[in-house]
N, C-alpha and C. Protein backbone atom coordinates (compact mmCIF):
# COMPACT_ATOMS: atom_id res chain seq x y z
N MET A 1 38.97 215.11 -31.48
CA MET A 1 39.34 214.00 -32.36
C MET A 1 40.85 213.88 -32.50
N GLY A 2 41.56 213.97 -31.41
CA GLY A 2 43.01 213.85 -31.47
C GLY A 2 43.68 215.15 -31.83
N LEU A 3 42.92 216.25 -31.81
CA LEU A 3 43.50 217.54 -32.16
C LEU A 3 43.88 218.33 -30.91
N SER A 4 43.60 217.74 -29.75
CA SER A 4 43.90 218.43 -28.50
C SER A 4 45.40 218.63 -28.35
N THR A 5 45.79 219.87 -28.05
CA THR A 5 47.21 220.16 -27.89
C THR A 5 47.57 220.33 -26.42
N GLY A 6 46.56 220.21 -25.56
CA GLY A 6 46.83 220.33 -24.14
C GLY A 6 46.40 221.68 -23.59
N SER A 7 46.05 222.60 -24.49
CA SER A 7 45.63 223.93 -24.06
C SER A 7 44.16 223.90 -23.63
N PRO A 8 43.89 224.30 -22.39
CA PRO A 8 42.51 224.30 -21.87
C PRO A 8 41.59 225.20 -22.70
N MET A 9 42.13 226.31 -23.18
CA MET A 9 41.34 227.24 -23.99
C MET A 9 40.92 226.58 -25.30
N GLU A 10 41.88 225.90 -25.92
CA GLU A 10 41.57 225.24 -27.19
C GLU A 10 40.60 224.09 -26.97
N GLU A 11 40.73 223.44 -25.82
CA GLU A 11 39.81 222.35 -25.51
C GLU A 11 38.39 222.90 -25.39
N LEU A 12 38.27 224.02 -24.72
CA LEU A 12 36.96 224.65 -24.54
C LEU A 12 36.38 225.08 -25.87
N ASN A 13 37.20 225.74 -26.68
CA ASN A 13 36.75 226.20 -27.99
C ASN A 13 36.33 225.03 -28.85
N SER A 14 37.09 223.95 -28.76
CA SER A 14 36.78 222.77 -29.55
C SER A 14 35.42 222.20 -29.14
N ARG A 15 35.19 222.18 -27.83
CA ARG A 15 33.92 221.66 -27.32
C ARG A 15 32.76 222.55 -27.74
N LEU A 16 32.98 223.86 -27.63
CA LEU A 16 31.94 224.82 -28.00
C LEU A 16 31.62 224.72 -29.48
N ASN A 17 32.65 224.58 -30.29
CA ASN A 17 32.46 224.47 -31.73
C ASN A 17 31.66 223.21 -32.06
N GLU A 18 31.96 222.14 -31.33
CA GLU A 18 31.24 220.89 -31.58
C GLU A 18 29.77 221.04 -31.20
N LEU A 19 29.52 221.75 -30.11
CA LEU A 19 28.15 221.97 -29.66
C LEU A 19 27.40 222.83 -30.65
N LYS A 20 28.11 223.79 -31.22
CA LYS A 20 27.49 224.68 -32.20
C LYS A 20 27.32 224.00 -33.55
N GLY A 21 28.00 222.88 -33.71
CA GLY A 21 27.88 222.15 -34.96
C GLY A 21 28.88 222.62 -36.00
N THR A 22 29.85 223.41 -35.56
CA THR A 22 30.85 223.91 -36.50
C THR A 22 32.18 223.22 -36.25
N LYS A 23 32.88 222.95 -37.33
CA LYS A 23 34.17 222.27 -37.23
C LYS A 23 35.30 223.29 -37.27
N ALA A 24 36.21 223.16 -36.31
CA ALA A 24 37.35 224.07 -36.28
C ALA A 24 38.26 223.80 -37.47
N THR A 25 38.58 224.84 -38.19
CA THR A 25 39.42 224.68 -39.37
C THR A 25 40.83 224.28 -38.97
N THR A 26 41.46 223.48 -39.80
CA THR A 26 42.81 223.01 -39.51
C THR A 26 43.77 224.18 -39.38
N LYS A 27 43.41 225.31 -39.97
CA LYS A 27 44.26 226.50 -39.91
C LYS A 27 44.46 226.92 -38.46
N GLU A 28 43.42 226.78 -37.66
CA GLU A 28 43.50 227.18 -36.25
C GLU A 28 44.50 226.32 -35.48
N TYR A 29 44.76 225.14 -36.01
CA TYR A 29 45.67 224.23 -35.32
C TYR A 29 47.08 224.27 -35.90
N THR A 30 47.17 224.59 -37.19
CA THR A 30 48.48 224.59 -37.84
C THR A 30 49.39 225.65 -37.25
N TRP A 31 48.81 226.77 -36.84
CA TRP A 31 49.64 227.84 -36.28
C TRP A 31 50.26 227.38 -34.95
N ARG A 32 49.64 226.38 -34.34
CA ARG A 32 50.16 225.86 -33.09
C ARG A 32 51.04 224.63 -33.34
N ASP A 33 50.69 223.90 -34.38
CA ASP A 33 51.47 222.71 -34.72
C ASP A 33 52.22 222.92 -36.02
N PRO A 34 53.52 223.18 -35.91
CA PRO A 34 54.34 223.43 -37.10
C PRO A 34 54.53 222.19 -37.95
């Protein structure tokens, strides 16, 4: 949902989380996006 930072790993995790029905916390992204 526009949270992609270009990292393939994060993309994969995001997809897996969506499949599992869990939403990635913004905390996981804030450490990458200051």
